[in-house]
Amino acid sequence: MTEHRPGQVKAITSLANPIIKDLKALNLKKNRNRAGCFIAEGLKLVIDASELGWKVRTLIFSKSGLGNSLIESLAAKTRAEGGLVIEASEKVLASVAHRDNPQMVMGVFEQRWSALQSIEPGSGGVYIGLDRIRDPGNLGTIIRTADAVGAKGVVLIGDSVDPYSLETVRATMGSIFAVPLYRCTQAQFLEWRQLSKLFFVGTHLKAAHDYRKIVYHDKPVFLMMGNEQQGLPDPLAQACDALARIPQAGRADSLNLAVATAVMLYEIRRNTLVLDKREAII
């Protein structure tokens, strides 16, 4: 990434500016990995991230945002923390976002990865393990659902889509900043699993147990979900304490991965997630 002096504000209108070239380069996974950072779009999302303790390395906002008190406050906080603030033209924002009509605000953040060894069993907690997930929309939706049910984290096993791609980050709707992420190879996962005391449940089309018949409450659960095309591979299925199946009555032979994960998570958390009595339907 191009170096800058802490606290400075730049006005940029040229697509040839080296800082903009560096930001556009973050659309490629290899560049995100090399820089260790990623881009998130949207004023609310960037503000929420900042409030959750994520430092904004670079803040980019549209000239039309001048005078917006929320943007100015965010810019002041970014400068105070040593970040770079860029006032950009809409053309520049569109080139960074790789789409027309981009969000008025974007932020660059450092990636965060947690270690499998840091996972500690806790009563009622739940983690999600995803084997070689390929679709950024599915991953983003699962991270968002994990956040909604209060899951403790998402573990990416094997060669998975990048959770820090623009497409995935958009699909999380900000939950990327609230849900811890882990990554490992299948071999690393299986080695860790031997020492783990969580209750491992996997979904499988050949499973004998209805997912609603398994007792989940008062257990730290690790939910295993397979690849979109191939499902859960044998080594991971054999590592589970129980295999569950979601019954189907129609012609479809399977559910979308994000939908199936949501169904499982809400069943696992059914005794924990309680509506406010004022919202309950009687």
Protein backbone atom coordinates (compact mmCIF):
# COMPACT_ATOMS: atom_id res chain seq x y z
CA MET A 1 0.00 0.00 0.00
CA THR A 2 1.11 3.57 -0.71
CA GLU A 3 2.48 5.30 2.39
CA HIS A 4 0.77 8.39 3.80
CA ARG A 5 1.23 10.74 6.69
CA PRO A 6 -1.13 10.13 9.64
CA GLY A 7 -3.98 12.58 10.01
CA GLN A 8 -3.88 13.99 6.51
CA VAL A 9 -6.90 14.57 4.24
CA LYS A 10 -6.61 14.15 0.49
CA ALA A 11 -8.94 15.31 -2.26
CA ILE A 12 -8.68 12.89 -5.19
CA THR A 13 -10.43 13.03 -8.56
CA SER A 14 -7.97 11.08 -10.74
CA LEU A 15 -8.27 7.34 -11.33
CA ALA A 16 -4.51 7.30 -11.92
CA ASN A 17 -3.72 8.36 -8.35
CA PRO A 18 -1.46 5.68 -6.76
CA ILE A 19 -3.59 5.53 -3.61
CA ILE A 20 -6.68 4.80 -5.70
CA LYS A 21 -4.76 2.15 -7.65
CA ASP A 22 -3.84 0.49 -4.35
CA LEU A 23 -7.47 0.55 -3.21
CA LYS A 24 -8.73 -0.88 -6.51
CA ALA A 25 -6.14 -3.63 -6.20
CA LEU A 26 -7.94 -4.84 -3.05
CA ASN A 27 -10.63 -6.28 -5.31
CA LEU A 28 -8.24 -9.20 -5.89
CA LYS A 29 -7.81 -11.80 -3.14
CA LYS A 30 -4.03 -12.05 -3.57
CA ASN A 31 -3.70 -8.30 -2.98
CA ARG A 32 -6.02 -8.40 0.04
CA ASN A 33 -3.95 -11.20 1.51
CA ARG A 34 -0.69 -9.39 0.83
CA ALA A 35 -1.96 -6.13 2.36
CA GLY A 36 -3.90 -7.90 5.11
CA CYS A 37 -6.87 -5.59 4.68
CA PHE A 38 -10.21 -5.22 2.91
CA ILE A 39 -12.87 -2.68 1.89
CA ALA A 40 -16.33 -2.24 3.38
CA GLU A 41 -19.03 0.02 1.94
CA GLY A 42 -21.70 2.17 3.55
CA LEU A 43 -21.76 4.89 6.22
CA LYS A 44 -23.70 2.88 8.81
CA LEU A 45 -21.54 -0.18 8.28
CA VAL A 46 -18.28 1.77 8.68
CA ILE A 47 -19.61 3.59 11.76
CA ASP A 48 -20.77 0.29 13.31
CA ALA A 49 -17.34 -1.24 12.63
CA SER A 50 -15.61 1.72 14.26
CA GLU A 51 -17.86 1.48 17.31
CA LEU A 52 -17.03 -2.25 17.59
CA GLY A 53 -13.36 -1.38 17.84
CA TRP A 54 -12.25 -1.79 14.24
CA LYS A 55 -9.83 0.99 13.30
CA VAL A 56 -10.42 2.62 9.91
CA ARG A 57 -7.11 2.60 8.04
CA THR A 58 -8.47 4.60 5.10
CA LEU A 59 -11.80 6.41 4.88
CA ILE A 60 -13.11 7.39 1.46
CA PHE A 61 -16.18 9.58 1.12
CA SER A 62 -17.96 11.35 -1.71
CA LYS A 63 -17.72 15.11 -2.13
CA SER A 64 -21.50 15.15 -1.80
CA GLY A 65 -21.01 14.00 1.79
CA LEU A 66 -19.39 17.27 2.82
CA GLY A 67 -21.44 18.84 5.58
CA ASN A 68 -22.82 15.48 6.78
CA SER A 69 -22.19 15.50 10.53
CA LEU A 70 -21.88 11.71 10.77
CA ILE A 71 -19.28 11.59 8.00
CA GLU A 72 -17.37 14.52 9.47
CA SER A 73 -17.36 12.87 12.89
CA LEU A 74 -16.14 9.60 11.41
CA ALA A 75 -13.45 11.43 9.44
CA ALA A 76 -12.26 13.22 12.57
CA LYS A 77 -12.03 9.93 14.47
CA THR A 78 -10.15 8.29 11.58
CA ARG A 79 -7.62 11.14 11.46
CA ALA A 80 -7.20 11.07 15.24
CA GLU A 81 -6.37 7.37 15.05
CA GLY A 82 -3.77 7.94 12.35
CA GLY A 83 -5.87 6.89 9.37
CA LEU A 84 -6.03 8.47 5.93
CA VAL A 85 -9.16 10.37 4.89
CA ILE A 86 -9.94 10.78 1.19
CA GLU A 87 -12.50 13.10 -0.31
CA ALA A 88 -13.19 11.49 -3.70
CA SER A 89 -15.25 12.11 -6.80
CA GLU A 90 -18.13 9.74 -7.58
CA LYS A 91 -16.11 8.43 -10.54
CA VAL A 92 -13.30 7.44 -8.19
CA LEU A 93 -15.69 5.79 -5.73
CA ALA A 94 -17.32 3.82 -8.55
CA SER A 95 -13.92 2.56 -9.74
CA VAL A 96 -12.98 1.37 -6.23
CA ALA A 97 -16.35 -0.32 -5.68
CA HIS A 98 -16.38 -1.80 -9.20
CA ARG A 99 -19.99 -0.74 -9.75
CA ASP A 100 -22.10 2.28 -10.67
CA ASN A 101 -23.94 4.25 -7.97
CA PRO A 102 -21.53 3.27 -5.18
CA GLN A 103 -22.09 3.97 -1.50
CA MET A 104 -21.17 7.46 -0.31
CA VAL A 105 -18.65 6.08 2.19
CA MET A 106 -16.10 3.26 2.15
CA GLY A 107 -13.62 2.15 4.76
CA VAL A 108 -10.45 0.05 4.62
CA PHE A 109 -9.90 -2.26 7.60
CA GLU A 110 -7.34 -4.84 8.64
CA GLN A 111 -8.45 -8.46 8.35
CA ARG A 112 -8.95 -10.41 11.56
CA TRP A 113 -8.45 -14.15 11.90
CA SER A 114 -8.74 -16.14 15.13
CA ALA A 115 -6.95 -19.39 15.97
CA LEU A 116 -8.87 -22.67 16.35
CA GLN A 117 -7.06 -23.25 19.62
CA SER A 118 -8.75 -20.15 21.07
CA ILE A 119 -12.20 -21.77 20.84
CA GLU A 120 -13.39 -22.64 24.32
CA PRO A 121 -16.56 -24.63 25.04
CA GLY A 122 -19.28 -22.66 26.74
CA SER A 123 -22.78 -23.71 27.78
CA GLY A 124 -25.23 -23.04 24.97
CA GLY A 125 -22.65 -21.62 22.58
CA VAL A 126 -22.57 -22.52 18.89
CA TYR A 127 -19.91 -22.39 16.17
CA ILE A 128 -20.34 -23.06 12.45
CA GLY A 129 -17.85 -25.02 10.35
CA LEU A 130 -18.12 -24.58 6.56
CA ASP A 131 -16.34 -27.01 4.26
CA ARG A 132 -14.96 -25.43 1.06
CA ILE A 133 -17.82 -22.95 0.70
CA ARG A 134 -17.71 -21.39 -2.78
CA ASP A 135 -20.41 -18.76 -3.07
CA PRO A 136 -19.75 -15.27 -1.56
CA GLY A 137 -23.49 -14.64 -1.18
CA ASN A 138 -23.93 -17.86 0.78
CA LEU A 139 -20.98 -17.10 3.05
CA GLY A 140 -22.10 -13.53 3.66
CA THR A 141 -25.64 -14.67 4.48
CA ILE A 142 -24.35 -17.35 6.86
CA ILE A 143 -22.14 -14.84 8.68
CA ARG A 144 -25.14 -12.51 8.97
CA THR A 145 -27.30 -15.37 10.30
CA ALA A 146 -24.57 -16.41 12.72
CA ASP A 147 -24.61 -12.87 14.07
CA ALA A 148 -28.41 -12.90 14.34
CA VAL A 149 -28.49 -16.06 16.47
CA GLY A 150 -25.52 -15.08 18.60
CA ALA A 151 -23.12 -17.71 17.26
CA LYS A 152 -19.56 -17.58 18.56
CA GLY A 153 -17.77 -17.84 15.22
CA VAL A 154 -17.48 -19.26 11.72
CA VAL A 155 -14.71 -21.70 10.78
CA LEU A 156 -13.72 -21.96 7.11
CA ILE A 157 -12.32 -25.41 6.32
CA GLY A 158 -10.26 -26.02 3.21
CA ASP A 159 -10.21 -23.88 0.05
CA SER A 160 -13.08 -21.46 0.67
CA VAL A 161 -14.31 -18.22 -0.84
CA ASP A 162 -12.74 -15.13 0.76
CA PRO A 163 -14.96 -13.66 3.52
CA TYR A 164 -13.25 -10.31 2.96
CA SER A 165 -14.19 -9.96 -0.72
CA LEU A 166 -16.43 -6.99 -1.52
CA GLU A 167 -19.28 -9.35 -2.47
CA THR A 168 -19.12 -11.31 0.78
CA VAL A 169 -18.74 -8.22 2.96
CA ARG A 170 -21.80 -6.66 1.27
CA ALA A 171 -23.82 -9.82 1.91
CA THR A 172 -22.95 -9.82 5.63
CA MET A 173 -24.64 -6.41 6.03
CA GLY A 174 -22.02 -5.49 8.64
CA SER A 175 -21.96 -8.78 10.54
CA ILE A 176 -18.41 -9.38 9.27
CA PHE A 177 -17.36 -7.06 12.11
CA ALA A 178 -19.29 -8.93 14.80
CA VAL A 179 -18.55 -12.61 14.11
CA PRO A 180 -15.06 -14.07 14.72
CA LEU A 181 -13.61 -15.91 11.71
CA TYR A 182 -11.30 -18.93 11.68
CA ARG A 183 -9.59 -20.78 8.81
CA CYS A 184 -7.79 -24.11 8.55
CA THR A 185 -7.11 -27.09 6.34
CA GLN A 186 -9.15 -30.25 6.75
CA ALA A 187 -6.15 -31.96 8.38
CA GLN A 188 -5.71 -29.10 10.86
CA PHE A 189 -9.42 -29.19 11.67
CA LEU A 190 -9.49 -32.95 12.29
CA GLU A 191 -6.43 -32.71 14.55
CA TRP A 192 -8.08 -29.95 16.57
CA ARG A 193 -11.39 -31.80 16.67
CA GLN A 194 -9.78 -34.74 18.52
CA LEU A 195 -9.07 -32.45 21.46
CA SER A 196 -12.29 -30.43 21.33
CA LYS A 197 -15.11 -31.03 23.79
CA LEU A 198 -17.86 -29.46 21.72
CA PHE A 199 -20.84 -31.46 20.45
CA PHE A 200 -20.33 -31.85 16.69
CA VAL A 201 -23.44 -32.05 14.50
CA GLY A 202 -23.30 -32.31 10.72
CA THR A 203 -26.01 -32.21 8.07
CA HIS A 204 -26.08 -35.11 5.63
CA LEU A 205 -28.62 -36.31 3.06
CA LYS A 206 -28.15 -39.91 4.27
CA ALA A 207 -28.47 -39.06 7.96
CA ALA A 208 -31.02 -41.02 9.98
CA HIS A 209 -31.84 -38.32 12.55
CA ASP A 210 -34.43 -35.62 11.99
CA TYR A 211 -32.68 -32.34 12.89
CA ARG A 212 -35.55 -31.50 15.27
CA LYS A 213 -35.07 -34.67 17.31
CA ILE A 214 -31.49 -33.99 18.37
CA VAL A 215 -31.02 -32.43 21.82
CA TYR A 216 -28.93 -29.29 21.44
CA HIS A 217 -29.68 -27.19 24.52
CA ASP A 218 -27.16 -26.88 27.34
CA LYS A 219 -24.40 -28.09 25.02
CA PRO A 220 -21.66 -26.18 23.23
CA VAL A 221 -22.51 -27.11 19.63
CA PHE A 222 -20.31 -27.13 16.54
CA LEU A 223 -22.47 -27.23 13.41
CA MET A 224 -20.81 -28.77 10.34
CA MET A 225 -22.09 -27.78 6.89
CA GLY A 226 -20.78 -29.23 3.62
CA ASN A 227 -19.84 -27.78 0.28
CA GLU A 228 -22.67 -26.48 -1.97
CA GLN A 229 -22.15 -29.17 -4.60
CA GLN A 230 -20.71 -32.15 -2.72
CA GLY A 231 -22.07 -31.87 0.80
CA LEU A 232 -20.11 -32.98 3.86
CA PRO A 233 -17.13 -35.22 2.92
CA ASP A 234 -16.69 -38.55 4.71
CA PRO A 235 -13.75 -37.51 6.96
CA LEU A 236 -15.74 -34.57 8.35
CA ALA A 237 -18.98 -36.55 8.58
CA GLN A 238 -17.20 -39.27 10.55
CA ALA A 239 -15.86 -36.63 12.93
CA CYS A 240 -19.41 -35.67 13.97
CA ASP A 241 -21.16 -36.91 17.10
CA ALA A 242 -24.48 -36.82 15.24
CA LEU A 243 -25.64 -36.41 11.65
CA ALA A 244 -28.90 -34.59 10.97
CA ARG A 245 -31.24 -34.41 8.01
CA ILE A 246 -33.77 -31.70 7.17
CA PRO A 247 -36.95 -33.37 5.84
CA GLN A 248 -38.27 -32.27 2.45
CA ALA A 249 -41.63 -32.92 0.80
CA GLY A 250 -41.27 -31.29 -2.62
CA ARG A 251 -39.33 -32.15 -5.74
CA ALA A 252 -36.17 -30.26 -4.73
CA ASP A 253 -33.44 -32.68 -3.73
CA SER A 254 -31.59 -30.21 -1.50
CA LEU A 255 -31.73 -26.82 0.18
CA ASN A 256 -29.54 -23.81 -0.51
CA LEU A 257 -26.55 -23.93 1.86
CA ALA A 258 -27.30 -20.60 3.54
CA VAL A 259 -30.96 -21.57 4.01
CA ALA A 260 -30.09 -24.98 5.44
CA THR A 261 -27.56 -23.40 7.81
CA ALA A 262 -30.17 -20.90 9.00
CA VAL A 263 -32.71 -23.68 9.62
CA MET A 264 -30.16 -25.61 11.69
CA LEU A 265 -28.97 -22.58 13.65
CA TYR A 266 -32.44 -21.51 14.68
CA GLU A 267 -33.27 -25.02 15.81
CA ILE A 268 -30.03 -25.24 17.79
CA ARG A 269 -30.74 -21.87 19.41
CA ARG A 270 -34.52 -22.39 19.78
CA ASN A 271 -34.43 -22.52 23.58
CA THR A 272 -32.12 -19.52 23.79
CA LEU A 273 -33.73 -17.04 21.41
CA VAL A 274 -36.88 -15.71 23.06
CA LEU A 275 -39.10 -12.97 21.73
CA ASP A 276 -39.95 -10.06 23.96
CA LYS A 277 -43.32 -10.91 25.54
CA ARG A 278 -44.78 -7.79 23.96
CA GLU A 279 -43.92 -9.16 20.51
CA ALA A 280 -45.20 -12.67 21.06
CA ILE A 281 -48.24 -13.80 19.07
CA ILE A 282 -50.89 -15.38 21.27
